[in-house]
Amino acid sequence: MGGKFCWVELLTSDVDAAQAFYSHVIGWTGDKSGLADRDYRVFSQDGHGAAGLLLLPEQAKAHGAPPHWLSYIAAEDVDAGAEKILASGGRVLRPAETLPGVGRFTVVADPQGAPFALWKDLSGQSHPEFSPMSPGRVGWYELYADDSEKAFGFYAEQFGWTKGDALDMGPMGIYQLFATGGEAVGGMMRRPDAVPRPFWNVYFTVPSLDAAIERIGESGGRILNGPNQVPGGSWIVQALDPQGALFSLVSAKR
């Protein structure tokens, strides 16, 4: 269904090191996808794909892009979706491309510069849906924006997203929950001064946060913030992997 998050992938400077790191920290297994023209790897959880992994393209590095996680949003028509984004002040960062028998995608940015991708599945296969709090799955999506209210308006116009609760974080402003259909799947907030540019952050679910934090440290990662308990009772932590990509973890327990 269009408008929902459907995939995440890591663009990194060292695919082998990143594969080893996340396999240890989150518990994924990693395998090559079988694509003939590129080294694209797939992290799996319990036999089902959970995330992708590839080398950060030279074009992206030339534009100053660091290693990062990229979120994909399902689109009924990738090309029409990209045109609509352009008309609303966004940008196309990578022209649409078809992976035969797999899907068609394009990488874009919202009007404030946060990158994401549009994806149309062409595999003809059904893909199971998992609870956000299932281990190894994305448990939450979070947008750091220059203006979160305008950002929400953009995504609501593009994808029909709706507002959930608005949480007052004091000096940090309002944390706006949003839904892509049904329950809230993420939040939007004003970008802190320490965050250099707008971007989408992803939270991966783990069974125990403290155990995962220990694995981050022993694998060469670095904790930036947390652990912190959030409304609803879950615990989160934000971290950098050894190549410098920011990611977060969420768990129902410490």
Protein backbone atom coordinates (compact mmCIF):
# COMPACT_ATOMS: atom_id res chain seq x y z
CA MET A 1 0.00 0.00 0.00
CA GLY A 2 1.37 3.41 -0.99
CA GLY A 3 2.50 5.87 1.67
CA LYS A 4 3.82 3.37 4.20
CA PHE A 5 7.44 2.76 5.10
CA CYS A 6 8.51 -0.47 3.44
CA TRP A 7 12.31 -0.84 3.70
CA VAL A 8 15.48 0.64 5.16
CA GLU A 9 19.05 0.31 3.96
CA LEU A 10 22.48 1.33 5.14
CA LEU A 11 24.83 3.15 2.78
CA THR A 12 28.27 2.74 4.31
CA SER A 13 31.99 3.07 3.65
CA ASP A 14 32.79 -0.54 4.62
CA VAL A 15 30.12 -3.17 3.93
CA ASP A 16 31.99 -6.06 5.52
CA ALA A 17 32.62 -4.20 8.77
CA ALA A 18 29.07 -2.86 8.88
CA GLN A 19 27.63 -6.32 8.27
CA ALA A 20 29.66 -7.72 11.16
CA PHE A 21 28.68 -4.84 13.46
CA TYR A 22 24.91 -4.95 12.97
CA SER A 23 24.81 -8.75 12.91
CA HIS A 24 26.38 -8.72 16.37
CA VAL A 25 24.45 -5.76 17.81
CA ILE A 26 20.96 -6.55 16.50
CA GLY A 27 21.22 -10.27 15.80
CA TRP A 28 20.69 -10.15 12.04
CA THR A 29 22.19 -12.52 9.51
CA GLY A 30 23.61 -10.98 6.34
CA ASP A 31 23.78 -12.41 2.84
CA LYS A 32 24.44 -11.14 -0.67
CA SER A 33 21.25 -10.37 -2.57
CA GLY A 34 22.29 -12.01 -5.82
CA LEU A 35 22.05 -8.82 -7.89
CA ALA A 36 24.60 -9.25 -10.69
CA ASP A 37 25.65 -5.62 -11.11
CA ARG A 38 26.21 -4.56 -7.49
CA ASP A 39 27.23 -5.82 -4.07
CA TYR A 40 23.90 -5.42 -2.35
CA ARG A 41 23.43 -7.35 0.87
CA VAL A 42 20.33 -8.14 2.86
CA PHE A 43 20.08 -8.35 6.63
CA SER A 44 17.53 -10.97 7.70
CA GLN A 45 15.67 -11.68 10.91
CA ASP A 46 14.12 -15.13 11.36
CA GLY A 47 14.47 -15.84 7.65
CA HIS A 48 12.81 -12.63 6.42
CA GLY A 49 14.54 -9.54 5.03
CA ALA A 50 14.89 -6.72 7.56
CA ALA A 51 17.24 -4.17 5.94
CA GLY A 52 19.64 -3.63 3.06
CA LEU A 53 23.35 -2.84 2.96
CA LEU A 54 25.50 -1.37 0.21
CA LEU A 55 28.56 0.77 -0.38
CA LEU A 56 27.95 4.53 -0.23
CA PRO A 57 27.97 5.64 -3.91
CA GLU A 58 30.78 7.91 -5.09
CA GLN A 59 28.23 10.48 -6.27
CA ALA A 60 26.76 10.67 -2.78
CA LYS A 61 30.19 11.03 -1.20
CA ALA A 62 31.05 13.80 -3.67
CA HIS A 63 28.01 15.73 -2.39
CA GLY A 64 29.19 15.31 1.20
CA ALA A 65 26.88 12.49 2.23
CA PRO A 66 28.27 10.49 5.18
CA PRO A 67 27.38 6.85 5.86
CA HIS A 68 23.68 6.83 6.73
CA TRP A 69 20.45 4.86 6.93
CA LEU A 70 17.90 5.52 4.18
CA SER A 71 14.17 4.92 4.63
CA TYR A 72 11.93 3.76 1.77
CA ILE A 73 8.27 4.69 1.32
CA ALA A 74 6.00 2.59 -0.88
CA ALA A 75 4.63 4.33 -3.97
CA GLU A 76 1.98 3.27 -6.45
CA ASP A 77 3.93 5.10 -9.18
CA VAL A 78 7.55 6.05 -8.48
CA ASP A 79 7.88 8.49 -11.37
CA ALA A 80 4.63 10.31 -10.64
CA GLY A 81 5.59 10.41 -6.97
CA ALA A 82 8.91 12.03 -7.79
CA GLU A 83 7.21 14.63 -9.98
CA LYS A 84 4.79 15.47 -7.17
CA ILE A 85 7.69 15.87 -4.74
CA LEU A 86 9.49 18.19 -7.17
CA ALA A 87 6.33 20.27 -7.57
CA SER A 88 6.12 20.65 -3.78
CA GLY A 89 9.68 21.95 -3.43
CA GLY A 90 11.56 18.70 -2.93
CA ARG A 91 14.45 17.32 -4.98
CA VAL A 92 15.36 14.17 -6.85
CA LEU A 93 18.76 12.96 -5.66
CA ARG A 94 18.92 9.82 -7.78
CA PRO A 95 16.86 9.28 -10.94
CA ALA A 96 14.40 6.41 -10.97
CA GLU A 97 15.86 2.99 -11.74
CA THR A 98 14.24 -0.39 -12.28
CA LEU A 99 15.74 -3.58 -10.86
CA PRO A 100 14.18 -6.18 -13.17
CA GLY A 101 11.89 -8.54 -11.31
CA VAL A 102 12.55 -6.71 -8.04
CA GLY A 103 11.30 -3.14 -8.03
CA ARG A 104 11.62 0.46 -9.18
CA PHE A 105 12.99 3.20 -6.92
CA THR A 106 14.22 6.76 -6.76
CA VAL A 107 16.00 8.71 -4.03
CA VAL A 108 14.50 12.10 -3.21
CA ALA A 109 14.63 14.78 -0.53
CA ASP A 110 11.84 16.74 1.12
CA PRO A 111 11.84 20.57 0.81
CA GLN A 112 14.02 20.88 3.92
CA GLY A 113 16.60 18.42 2.61
CA ALA A 114 15.86 15.16 4.45
CA PRO A 115 16.51 12.27 2.02
CA PHE A 116 14.29 9.23 1.59
CA ALA A 117 13.40 6.84 -1.23
CA LEU A 118 10.26 5.84 -3.11
CA TRP A 119 9.78 2.16 -3.92
CA LYS A 120 7.43 0.16 -6.13
CA ASP A 121 7.63 -3.58 -5.67
CA LEU A 122 7.76 -5.52 -8.95
CA SER A 123 8.57 -8.95 -7.57
CA GLY A 124 4.99 -10.21 -7.49
CA GLN A 125 5.71 -11.75 -4.09
CA SER A 126 3.80 -11.15 -0.89
CA HIS A 127 5.79 -9.73 2.00
CA PRO A 128 4.77 -10.42 5.60
CA GLU A 129 4.08 -7.50 7.93
CA PHE A 130 5.69 -7.49 11.36
CA SER A 131 4.85 -5.69 14.55
CA PRO A 132 7.16 -2.68 15.03
CA MET A 133 8.26 -4.11 18.37
CA SER A 134 9.32 -7.43 16.84
CA PRO A 135 13.07 -7.96 17.39
CA GLY A 136 15.15 -6.88 14.42
CA ARG A 137 12.44 -4.70 12.87
CA VAL A 138 12.16 -0.93 12.65
CA GLY A 139 10.25 0.08 15.75
CA TRP A 140 10.03 3.82 15.07
CA TYR A 141 10.81 6.44 12.42
CA GLU A 142 11.90 9.92 13.48
CA LEU A 143 12.34 13.04 11.39
CA TYR A 144 14.64 15.86 12.48
CA ALA A 145 13.42 18.90 10.53
CA ASP A 146 14.16 22.62 10.43
CA ASP A 147 10.42 23.20 10.72
CA SER A 148 8.53 20.11 11.82
CA GLU A 149 5.07 21.62 11.22
CA LYS A 150 5.89 22.40 7.60
CA ALA A 151 7.53 19.00 7.26
CA PHE A 152 4.39 17.25 8.44
CA GLY A 153 2.34 19.26 5.93
CA PHE A 154 4.60 18.06 3.12
CA TYR A 155 4.35 14.37 4.04
CA ALA A 156 0.63 14.62 4.67
CA GLU A 157 0.16 16.10 1.19
CA GLN A 158 2.39 13.50 -0.46
CA PHE A 159 1.28 10.36 1.35
CA GLY A 160 -1.86 11.10 3.34
CA TRP A 161 -0.17 10.76 6.73
CA THR A 162 -2.14 11.88 9.78
CA LYS A 163 -1.22 13.49 13.07
CA GLY A 164 -1.19 11.68 16.39
CA ASP A 165 -0.40 13.12 19.81
CA ALA A 166 1.73 16.25 20.11
CA LEU A 167 4.17 15.97 23.02
CA ASP A 168 5.60 19.15 24.56
CA MET A 169 9.33 18.67 25.12
CA GLY A 170 9.90 22.09 26.67
CA PRO A 171 12.90 23.93 25.16
CA MET A 172 13.16 21.24 22.45
CA GLY A 173 9.69 22.10 21.14
CA ILE A 174 6.85 19.84 20.09
CA TYR A 175 7.31 16.18 19.25
CA GLN A 176 4.61 15.40 16.72
CA LEU A 177 3.55 11.77 16.38
CA PHE A 178 2.27 10.66 12.98
CA ALA A 179 0.58 7.64 11.44
CA THR A 180 0.79 6.20 7.94
CA GLY A 181 -2.49 4.34 8.49
CA GLY A 182 -3.56 2.99 11.88
CA GLU A 183 -1.30 3.44 14.89
CA ALA A 184 1.51 6.00 15.09
CA VAL A 185 4.75 4.77 13.51
CA GLY A 186 6.99 7.76 14.16
CA GLY A 187 7.52 11.32 15.27
CA MET A 188 8.77 14.64 13.92
CA MET A 189 10.67 17.28 15.83
CA ARG A 190 12.72 20.41 15.33
CA ARG A 191 16.31 19.58 14.49
CA PRO A 192 18.64 20.14 17.48
CA ASP A 193 21.57 22.47 16.87
CA ALA A 194 23.97 19.53 17.20
CA VAL A 195 22.33 17.79 14.22
CA PRO A 196 23.94 19.25 11.07
CA ARG A 197 21.08 18.64 8.60
CA PRO A 198 17.50 17.34 8.44
CA PHE A 199 17.28 13.56 8.19
CA TRP A 200 15.23 10.48 9.00
CA ASN A 201 16.45 8.44 11.96
CA VAL A 202 15.41 4.81 12.43
CA TYR A 203 14.99 2.84 15.66
CA PHE A 204 15.59 -0.90 15.53
CA THR A 205 13.86 -3.10 18.09
CA VAL A 206 15.97 -5.30 20.37
CA PRO A 207 14.84 -7.60 23.20
CA SER A 208 17.02 -5.95 25.85
CA LEU A 209 18.48 -2.45 25.56
CA ASP A 210 21.30 -2.81 28.09
CA ALA A 211 22.59 -5.98 26.43
CA ALA A 212 22.53 -4.27 23.03
CA ILE A 213 24.35 -1.22 24.41
CA GLU A 214 27.09 -3.53 25.66
CA ARG A 215 27.38 -5.09 22.21
CA ILE A 216 27.63 -1.64 20.60
CA GLY A 217 30.61 -0.79 22.80
CA GLU A 218 32.44 -4.05 22.29
CA SER A 219 31.95 -3.78 18.52
CA GLY A 220 33.44 -0.30 18.14
CA GLY A 221 30.26 1.79 18.13
CA ARG A 222 29.60 4.85 20.28
CA ILE A 223 26.60 5.84 22.38
CA LEU A 224 25.46 9.42 21.74
CA ASN A 225 22.38 9.68 23.94
CA GLY A 226 20.62 7.44 26.42
CA PRO A 227 19.41 5.09 27.56
CA ASN A 228 16.22 7.08 28.10
CA GLN A 229 12.68 6.02 28.86
CA VAL A 230 10.02 7.53 26.58
CA PRO A 231 6.25 8.00 26.99
CA GLY A 232 4.62 4.59 26.81
CA GLY A 233 7.42 2.96 28.77
CA SER A 234 9.87 1.88 26.07
CA TRP A 235 13.59 2.54 26.34
CA ILE A 236 15.74 4.08 23.60
CA VAL A 237 19.36 4.84 22.83
CA GLN A 238 21.00 6.72 19.96
CA ALA A 239 24.39 5.66 18.67
CA LEU A 240 26.98 5.78 15.90
CA ASP A 241 28.26 2.68 14.16
CA PRO A 242 32.04 2.35 13.54
CA GLN A 243 31.70 3.98 10.08
CA GLY A 244 29.83 6.98 11.51
CA ALA A 245 26.21 6.19 10.58
CA LEU A 246 23.69 7.25 13.20
CA PHE A 247 21.12 4.69 14.27
CA SER A 248 18.91 4.11 17.29
CA LEU A 249 17.57 1.18 19.25
CA VAL A 250 14.28 0.72 21.09
CA SER A 251 13.21 -1.95 23.54
CA ALA A 252 10.30 -2.63 25.86
CA LYS A 253 12.79 -3.25 28.67
CA ARG A 254 16.22 -2.25 29.80
